C-alpha atoms as a PDB file:
ATOM      1  CA  UNK A   1      88.156 -21.251-192.400  1.00  0.00           C
ATOM      2  CA  UNK A   2      91.388 -18.619-192.322  1.00  0.00           C
ATOM      3  CA  UNK A   3      88.854 -16.110-191.312  1.00  0.00           C
ATOM      4  CA  UNK A   4      87.458 -18.064-188.368  1.00  0.00           C
ATOM      5  CA  UNK A   5      91.068 -18.907-187.059  1.00  0.00           C
ATOM      6  CA  UNK A   6      91.743 -15.379-187.227  1.00  0.00           C
ATOM      7  CA  UNK A   7      88.984 -14.285-184.922  1.00  0.00           C
ATOM      8  CA  UNK A   8      90.279 -17.139-182.817  1.00  0.00           C
ATOM      9  CA  UNK A   9      93.754 -15.445-182.676  1.00  0.00           C
ATOM     10  CA  UNK A  10      92.519 -12.206-182.203  1.00  0.00           C
ATOM     11  CA  UNK A  11      90.448 -13.040-179.198  1.00  0.00           C
ATOM     12  CA  UNK A  12      93.633 -14.857-177.169  1.00  0.00           C
ATOM     13  CA  UNK A  13      96.023 -11.928-178.411  1.00  0.00           C
ATOM     14  CA  UNK A  14      93.862  -9.508-176.117  1.00  0.00           C
ATOM     15  CA  UNK A  15      93.499 -12.087-173.372  1.00  0.00           C
ATOM     16  CA  UNK A  16      95.650 -10.689-170.725  1.00  0.00           C
ATOM     17  CA  UNK A  17      96.630 -11.261-167.072  1.00  0.00           C
ATOM     18  CA  UNK A  18      95.732 -10.435-163.363  1.00  0.00           C
ATOM     19  CA  UNK A  19      92.447 -10.775-161.635  1.00  0.00           C
ATOM     20  CA  UNK A  20      89.187  -9.335-161.484  1.00  0.00           C
ATOM     21  CA  UNK A  21      85.855 -10.565-159.041  1.00  0.00           C
ATOM     22  CA  UNK A  22      83.215 -13.135-159.879  1.00  0.00           C
ATOM     23  CA  UNK A  23      80.299 -11.108-159.424  1.00  0.00           C
ATOM     24  CA  UNK A  24      81.822  -7.998-161.828  1.00  0.00           C
ATOM     25  CA  UNK A  25      82.539 -10.864-164.269  1.00  0.00           C
ATOM     26  CA  UNK A  26      78.670 -11.763-164.895  1.00  0.00           C
ATOM     27  CA  UNK A  27      77.823  -8.182-164.572  1.00  0.00           C
ATOM     28  CA  UNK A  28      80.116  -7.915-167.844  1.00  0.00           C
ATOM     29  CA  UNK A  29      78.327 -11.039-169.631  1.00  0.00           C
ATOM     30  CA  UNK A  30      74.837  -9.717-168.517  1.00  0.00           C
ATOM     31  CA  UNK A  31      75.207  -5.971-170.252  1.00  0.00           C
ATOM     32  CA  UNK A  32      76.913  -8.176-173.103  1.00  0.00           C
ATOM     33  CA  UNK A  33      74.418  -9.884-173.870  1.00  0.00           C
ATOM     34  CA  UNK A  34      71.786  -6.897-173.567  1.00  0.00           C
ATOM     35  CA  UNK A  35      73.846  -5.722-176.636  1.00  0.00           C
ATOM     36  CA  UNK A  36      73.543  -8.793-178.094  1.00  0.00           C
ATOM     37  CA  UNK A  37      69.817  -9.174-177.893  1.00  0.00           C
ATOM     38  CA  UNK A  38      69.377  -5.560-179.685  1.00  0.00           C
ATOM     39  CA  UNK A  39      69.262  -7.279-182.849  1.00  0.00           C
ATOM     40  CA  UNK A  40      71.880  -4.632-184.245  1.00  0.00           C
ATOM     41  CA  UNK A  41      75.734  -6.249-183.356  1.00  0.00           C
ATOM     42  CA  UNK A  42      75.805  -8.355-186.448  1.00  0.00           C
ATOM     43  CA  UNK A  43      76.197 -11.765-184.311  1.00  0.00           C
ATOM     44  CA  UNK A  44      73.662 -14.985-184.642  1.00  0.00           C
ATOM     45  CA  UNK A  45      71.249 -15.784-182.122  1.00  0.00           C
ATOM     46  CA  UNK A  46      73.122 -18.701-181.343  1.00  0.00           C
ATOM     47  CA  UNK A  47      76.138 -16.479-180.364  1.00  0.00           C
ATOM     48  CA  UNK A  48      73.765 -14.821-177.835  1.00  0.00           C
ATOM     49  CA  UNK A  49      71.985 -17.590-176.553  1.00  0.00           C
ATOM     50  CA  UNK A  50      75.636 -19.286-175.283  1.00  0.00           C
ATOM     51  CA  UNK A  51      75.895 -16.301-173.347  1.00  0.00           C
ATOM     52  CA  UNK A  52      72.438 -16.662-171.669  1.00  0.00           C
ATOM     53  CA  UNK A  53      73.444 -20.355-171.448  1.00  0.00           C
ATOM     54  CA  UNK A  54      76.502 -19.562-169.531  1.00  0.00           C
ATOM     55  CA  UNK A  55      75.253 -17.306-167.032  1.00  0.00           C
ATOM     56  CA  UNK A  56      72.594 -19.854-166.193  1.00  0.00           C
ATOM     57  CA  UNK A  57      74.937 -22.564-165.429  1.00  0.00           C
ATOM     58  CA  UNK A  58      76.940 -20.426-163.227  1.00  0.00           C
ATOM     59  CA  UNK A  59      80.168 -20.369-165.624  1.00  0.00           C
ATOM     60  CA  UNK A  60      82.209 -17.175-165.083  1.00  0.00           C
ATOM     61  CA  UNK A  61      84.964 -16.870-167.511  1.00  0.00           C
ATOM     62  CA  UNK A  62      88.208 -15.859-165.509  1.00  0.00           C
ATOM     63  CA  UNK A  63      88.650 -12.647-166.379  1.00  0.00           C
ATOM     64  CA  UNK A  64      91.900 -10.128-165.664  1.00  0.00           C
ATOM     65  CA  UNK A  65      91.811  -7.218-164.152  1.00  0.00           C
ATOM     66  CA  UNK A  66      94.714  -5.442-166.194  1.00  0.00           C
ATOM     67  CA  UNK A  67      95.503  -5.873-169.770  1.00  0.00           C
ATOM     68  CA  UNK A  68      98.232  -5.717-172.063  1.00  0.00           C
ATOM     69  CA  UNK A  69      95.471  -3.779-174.515  1.00  0.00           C
ATOM     70  CA  UNK A  70      92.875  -0.748-172.948  1.00  0.00           C
ATOM     71  CA  UNK A  71      91.936   1.174-175.594  1.00  0.00           C
ATOM     72  CA  UNK A  72      88.538   1.073-177.176  1.00  0.00           C
ATOM     73  CA  UNK A  73      86.923  -0.208-174.580  1.00  0.00           C
ATOM     74  CA  UNK A  74      87.133  -3.360-172.440  1.00  0.00           C
ATOM     75  CA  UNK A  75      88.663  -5.937-174.767  1.00  0.00           C
ATOM     76  CA  UNK A  76      90.960  -7.512-172.985  1.00  0.00           C
ATOM     77  CA  UNK A  77      87.865  -8.824-169.995  1.00  0.00           C
ATOM     78  CA  UNK A  78      85.313  -9.005-173.281  1.00  0.00           C
ATOM     79  CA  UNK A  79      87.925 -11.347-175.443  1.00  0.00           C
ATOM     80  CA  UNK A  80      88.688 -13.658-171.775  1.00  0.00           C
ATOM     81  CA  UNK A  81      84.524 -14.119-172.186  1.00  0.00           C
ATOM     82  CA  UNK A  82      84.655 -14.816-175.638  1.00  0.00           C
ATOM     83  CA  UNK A  83      86.796 -17.473-175.265  1.00  0.00           C
ATOM     84  CA  UNK A  84      85.086 -19.429-172.721  1.00  0.00           C
ATOM     85  CA  UNK A  85      81.835 -19.145-175.027  1.00  0.00           C
ATOM     86  CA  UNK A  86      84.074 -20.683-178.015  1.00  0.00           C
ATOM     87  CA  UNK A  87      84.851 -23.301-175.169  1.00  0.00           C
ATOM     88  CA  UNK A  88      88.891 -22.140-174.965  1.00  0.00           C
ATOM     89  CA  UNK A  89      89.923 -19.940-171.773  1.00  0.00           C
ATOM     90  CA  UNK A  90      89.634 -20.452-168.057  1.00  0.00           C
ATOM     91  CA  UNK A  91      86.756 -20.417-166.456  1.00  0.00           C
ATOM     92  CA  UNK A  92      84.900 -20.953-162.994  1.00  0.00           C
ATOM     93  CA  UNK A  93      81.891 -23.114-162.545  1.00  0.00           C
ATOM     94  CA  UNK A  94      79.053 -22.913-160.116  1.00  0.00           C
ATOM     95  CA  UNK A  95      81.152 -24.434-157.743  1.00  0.00           C
ATOM     96  CA  UNK A  96      83.754 -21.689-158.282  1.00  0.00           C
ATOM     97  CA  UNK A  97      86.121 -24.534-159.412  1.00  0.00           C
ATOM     98  CA  UNK A  98      88.601 -23.110-162.147  1.00  0.00           C
ATOM     99  CA  UNK A  99      89.114 -25.076-164.920  1.00  0.00           C
ATOM    100  CA  UNK A 100      89.204 -24.853-169.081  1.00  0.00           C
ATOM    101  CA  UNK A 101      86.827 -23.308-171.092  1.00  0.00           C
ATOM    102  CA  UNK A 102      85.612 -26.049-173.006  1.00  0.00           C
ATOM    103  CA  UNK A 103      85.666 -28.797-169.317  1.00  0.00           C
ATOM    104  CA  UNK A 104      83.071 -26.169-168.167  1.00  0.00           C
ATOM    105  CA  UNK A 105      80.731 -26.080-171.245  1.00  0.00           C
ATOM    106  CA  UNK A 106      80.851 -29.635-171.687  1.00  0.00           C
ATOM    107  CA  UNK A 107      80.105 -30.301-168.096  1.00  0.00           C
ATOM    108  CA  UNK A 108      76.837 -27.807-168.749  1.00  0.00           C
ATOM    109  CA  UNK A 109      76.131 -29.436-171.959  1.00  0.00           C
ATOM    110  CA  UNK A 110      76.524 -26.219-173.592  1.00  0.00           C
ATOM    111  CA  UNK A 111      77.940 -26.504-177.214  1.00  0.00           C
ATOM    112  CA  UNK A 112      80.914 -23.770-177.847  1.00  0.00           C
ATOM    113  CA  UNK A 113      79.828 -21.536-180.519  1.00  0.00           C
ATOM    114  CA  UNK A 114      81.903 -20.964-183.674  1.00  0.00           C
ATOM    115  CA  UNK A 115      82.154 -17.672-184.402  1.00  0.00           C
ATOM    116  CA  UNK A 116      81.755 -16.575-188.381  1.00  0.00           C
ATOM    117  CA  UNK A 117      81.742 -12.965-190.017  1.00  0.00           C
ATOM    118  CA  UNK A 118      81.975 -10.249-187.865  1.00  0.00           C
ATOM    119  CA  UNK A 119      81.153 -12.158-184.784  1.00  0.00           C
ATOM    120  CA  UNK A 120      84.479 -11.499-182.835  1.00  0.00           C
ATOM    121  CA  UNK A 121      84.226  -7.404-183.195  1.00  0.00           C
ATOM    122  CA  UNK A 122      80.517  -7.817-181.947  1.00  0.00           C
ATOM    123  CA  UNK A 123      81.997  -9.926-178.888  1.00  0.00           C
ATOM    124  CA  UNK A 124      84.594  -7.430-177.740  1.00  0.00           C
ATOM    125  CA  UNK A 125      83.534  -3.838-178.984  1.00  0.00           C
ATOM    126  CA  UNK A 126      81.844  -2.375-176.345  1.00  0.00           C
ATOM    127  CA  UNK A 127      82.431  -0.947-172.205  1.00  0.00           C
ATOM    128  CA  UNK A 128      80.696  -3.812-170.571  1.00  0.00           C
ATOM    129  CA  UNK A 129      83.361  -4.555-167.725  1.00  0.00           C
ATOM    130  CA  UNK A 130      83.370  -0.624-166.974  1.00  0.00           C
ATOM    131  CA  UNK A 131      79.631   0.024-167.102  1.00  0.00           C
ATOM    132  CA  UNK A 132      79.099  -3.278-164.801  1.00  0.00           C
ATOM    133  CA  UNK A 133      81.566  -2.022-161.894  1.00  0.00           C
ATOM    134  CA  UNK A 134      79.928   1.421-162.481  1.00  0.00           C
ATOM    135  CA  UNK A 135      76.384  -0.217-161.665  1.00  0.00           C
ATOM    136  CA  UNK A 136      78.121  -1.864-158.720  1.00  0.00           C
ATOM    137  CA  UNK A 137      79.855   1.110-157.556  1.00  0.00           C
ATOM    138  CA  UNK A 138      76.638   2.811-157.114  1.00  0.00           C
ATOM    139  CA  UNK A 139      74.814   0.291-155.491  1.00  0.00           C
ATOM    140  CA  UNK A 140      77.590   0.422-152.955  1.00  0.00           C
ATOM    141  CA  UNK A 141      77.504   3.951-152.370  1.00  0.00           C
ATOM    142  CA  UNK A 142      73.868   4.112-152.134  1.00  0.00           C
ATOM    143  CA  UNK A 143      74.528   1.043-148.887  1.00  0.00           C
ATOM    144  CA  UNK A 144      77.134   3.019-147.665  1.00  0.00           C
ATOM    145  CA  UNK A 145      75.267   6.598-147.048  1.00  0.00           C
ATOM    146  CA  UNK A 146      72.351   4.763-145.942  1.00  0.00           C
ATOM    147  CA  UNK A 147      75.002   2.668-143.404  1.00  0.00           C
ATOM    148  CA  UNK A 148      76.023   6.116-142.317  1.00  0.00           C
ATOM    149  CA  UNK A 149      72.550   7.211-141.444  1.00  0.00           C
ATOM    150  CA  UNK A 150      71.974   4.231-139.518  1.00  0.00           C
ATOM    151  CA  UNK A 151      75.485   4.598-137.253  1.00  0.00           C
ATOM    152  CA  UNK A 152      74.733   8.488-136.822  1.00  0.00           C
ATOM    153  CA  UNK A 153      71.181   7.641-135.664  1.00  0.00           C
ATOM    154  CA  UNK A 154      72.254   5.151-133.105  1.00  0.00           C
ATOM    155  CA  UNK A 155      75.415   7.685-131.894  1.00  0.00           C
ATOM    156  CA  UNK A 156      72.235  10.005-130.936  1.00  0.00           C
ATOM    157  CA  UNK A 157      70.268   7.471-129.157  1.00  0.00           C
ATOM    158  CA  UNK A 158      73.348   5.618-127.517  1.00  0.00           C
ATOM    159  CA  UNK A 159      74.162   9.306-126.331  1.00  0.00           C
ATOM    160  CA  UNK A 160      70.369  10.198-125.165  1.00  0.00           C
ATOM    161  CA  UNK A 161      70.552  13.014-127.725  1.00  0.00           C
ATOM    162  CA  UNK A 162      67.932  15.332-129.299  1.00  0.00           C
ATOM    163  CA  UNK A 163      65.932  14.481-132.322  1.00  0.00           C
ATOM    164  CA  UNK A 164      64.531  17.542-132.504  1.00  0.00           C
ATOM    165  CA  UNK A 165      67.339  19.146-134.303  1.00  0.00           C
ATOM    166  CA  UNK A 166      66.244  17.172-137.436  1.00  0.00           C
ATOM    167  CA  UNK A 167      62.803  18.748-137.662  1.00  0.00           C
ATOM    168  CA  UNK A 168      62.033  19.599-141.263  1.00  0.00           C
ATOM    169  CA  UNK A 169      61.037  22.978-140.564  1.00  0.00           C
ATOM    170  CA  UNK A 170      64.402  23.353-139.419  1.00  0.00           C
ATOM    171  CA  UNK A 171      66.051  21.772-142.373  1.00  0.00           C
ATOM    172  CA  UNK A 172      64.871  23.903-144.887  1.00  0.00           C
ATOM    173  CA  UNK A 173      66.259  27.315-142.776  1.00  0.00           C
ATOM    174  CA  UNK A 174      69.471  25.478-144.961  1.00  0.00           C
ATOM    175  CA  UNK A 175      67.893  23.358-147.781  1.00  0.00           C
ATOM    176  CA  UNK A 176      71.203  21.532-148.698  1.00  0.00           C
ATOM    177  CA  UNK A 177      69.660  18.598-150.080  1.00  0.00           C
ATOM    178  CA  UNK A 178      71.914  16.220-148.873  1.00  0.00           C
ATOM    179  CA  UNK A 179      72.028  17.281-145.264  1.00  0.00           C
ATOM    180  CA  UNK A 180      68.158  17.580-146.189  1.00  0.00           C
ATOM    181  CA  UNK A 181      67.665  13.680-146.722  1.00  0.00           C
ATOM    182  CA  UNK A 182      70.140  12.856-143.672  1.00  0.00           C
ATOM    183  CA  UNK A 183      67.837  14.242-141.648  1.00  0.00           C
ATOM    184  CA  UNK A 184      64.480  12.976-142.589  1.00  0.00           C
ATOM    185  CA  UNK A 185      66.371   9.474-142.737  1.00  0.00           C
ATOM    186  CA  UNK A 186      67.924   9.899-138.786  1.00  0.00           C
ATOM    187  CA  UNK A 187      64.718  11.404-137.854  1.00  0.00           C
ATOM    188  CA  UNK A 188      62.469   8.248-139.167  1.00  0.00           C
ATOM    189  CA  UNK A 189      64.698   5.922-137.558  1.00  0.00           C
ATOM    190  CA  UNK A 190      64.785   7.959-134.198  1.00  0.00           C
ATOM    191  CA  UNK A 191      60.856   8.242-133.841  1.00  0.00           C
ATOM    192  CA  UNK A 192      59.235   6.440-130.972  1.00  0.00           C
ATOM    193  CA  UNK A 193      62.777   5.565-129.757  1.00  0.00           C
ATOM    194  CA  UNK A 194      62.553   4.873-125.748  1.00  0.00           C
ATOM    195  CA  UNK A 195      66.066   6.300-125.219  1.00  0.00           C
ATOM    196  CA  UNK A 196      65.443   9.669-127.459  1.00  0.00           C
ATOM    197  CA  UNK A 197      62.233   9.946-125.064  1.00  0.00           C
ATOM    198  CA  UNK A 198      64.220   9.755-122.205  1.00  0.00           C
ATOM    199  CA  UNK A 199      66.145  13.025-123.001  1.00  0.00           C
ATOM    200  CA  UNK A 200      62.739  14.919-123.500  1.00  0.00           C
ATOM    201  CA  UNK A 201      62.100  18.019-121.281  1.00  0.00           C
ATOM    202  CA  UNK A 202      60.707  17.200-117.556  1.00  0.00           C
ATOM    203  CA  UNK A 203      62.719  14.328-117.713  1.00  0.00           C
ATOM    204  CA  UNK A 204      65.592  13.709-115.146  1.00  0.00           C
ATOM    205  CA  UNK A 205      68.092  13.012-117.673  1.00  0.00           C
ATOM    206  CA  UNK A 206      70.532  16.000-118.505  1.00  0.00           C
ATOM    207  CA  UNK A 207      71.012  16.187-122.364  1.00  0.00           C
ATOM    208  CA  UNK A 208      73.837  18.735-123.885  1.00  0.00           C
ATOM    209  CA  UNK A 209      72.517  21.387-125.856  1.00  0.00           C
ATOM    210  CA  UNK A 210      71.430  20.166-129.223  1.00  0.00           C
ATOM    211  CA  UNK A 211      74.132  19.706-131.961  1.00  0.00           C
ATOM    212  CA  UNK A 212      72.770  18.217-135.391  1.00  0.00           C
ATOM    213  CA  UNK A 213      74.896  16.195-137.009  1.00  0.00           C
ATOM    214  CA  UNK A 214      72.822  16.218-140.016  1.00  0.00           C
ATOM    215  CA  UNK A 215      75.176  19.086-140.802  1.00  0.00           C
ATOM    216  CA  UNK A 216      78.380  17.017-141.355  1.00  0.00           C
ATOM    217  CA  UNK A 217      76.698  14.016-142.467  1.00  0.00           C
ATOM    218  CA  UNK A 218      74.338  16.324-144.864  1.00  0.00           C
ATOM    219  CA  UNK A 219      77.910  17.859-145.749  1.00  0.00           C
ATOM    220  CA  UNK A 220      79.585  13.883-146.450  1.00  0.00           C
ATOM    221  CA  UNK A 221      76.516  13.436-148.713  1.00  0.00           C
ATOM    222  CA  UNK A 222      76.061  16.230-150.739  1.00  0.00           C
ATOM    223  CA  UNK A 223      79.099  16.203-153.024  1.00  0.00           C
ATOM    224  CA  UNK A 224      77.938  12.045-153.153  1.00  0.00           C
ATOM    225  CA  UNK A 225      74.644  13.186-153.694  1.00  0.00           C
ATOM    226  CA  UNK A 226      75.566  15.245-157.029  1.00  0.00           C
ATOM    227  CA  UNK A 227      77.732  12.539-158.110  1.00  0.00           C
ATOM    228  CA  UNK A 228      75.632   9.459-157.689  1.00  0.00           C
ATOM    229  CA  UNK A 229      72.764  11.740-159.662  1.00  0.00           C
ATOM    230  CA  UNK A 230      75.221  12.607-162.441  1.00  0.00           C
ATOM    231  CA  UNK A 231      76.687   8.621-162.906  1.00  0.00           C
ATOM    232  CA  UNK A 232      72.706   7.058-162.202  1.00  0.00           C
ATOM    233  CA  UNK A 233      72.008   9.761-165.557  1.00  0.00           C
ATOM    234  CA  UNK A 234      74.954   8.553-167.628  1.00  0.00           C
ATOM    235  CA  UNK A 235      74.017   4.877-165.710  1.00  0.00           C
ATOM    236  CA  UNK A 236      70.703   4.699-167.399  1.00  0.00           C
ATOM    237  CA  UNK A 237      71.498   6.095-170.810  1.00  0.00           C
ATOM    238  CA  UNK A 238      74.282   3.911-171.355  1.00  0.00           C
ATOM    239  CA  UNK A 239      71.924   1.172-170.268  1.00  0.00           C
ATOM    240  CA  UNK A 240      68.417   1.863-172.060  1.00  0.00           C
ATOM    241  CA  UNK A 241      70.766   2.571-175.321  1.00  0.00           C
ATOM    242  CA  UNK A 242      73.381   0.011-175.805  1.00  0.00           C
END
């Protein structure tokens, strides 16, 4: 009994304050559940099942972004999640209402887990918060790069620009991968554009001498492209080997 009480106290002392978003917390829960399901953490199946049930019921532990203990992984965020699984702490239900962890579990028909030996450590020893944020940041960055190419294509089209500068053979003369990727995206979006056709030789539209926006777009992409490849590689390794 004292051992189990000590686990609860250990988790409670690591849960400290100010705010983190719902999607980040749910990502953290998914990654922690993935680790628990490897069968190498020392937890019982019913402990992992509570985490799965919380996710399915839309229960999101209230996890604070800044805590008093940040060494050796995401101790504070993971401890906040573990407390809710035990029927303690705070959580938001599927409607986003902030309530007690025990109340959230009861409303969803979930029995709180009663931690046994070694399970407290298994629930807080990890970097799932950081990894979850990394996964979402990579997704956001990829969307941002695509959006930048869309904005460039719309700008060229709106100014009745010349799309010949995005040709693959011209890009191959300076084969920077990020620049080539942007040029190919822009060329694909401008294909069969009536506005671009209006600027072809023989039309009545006067087009300024061509200048390729794929170069600055590619310059923007190049460090991010290398960064994304490195981050995706690290993320993939971490996700596959938990």
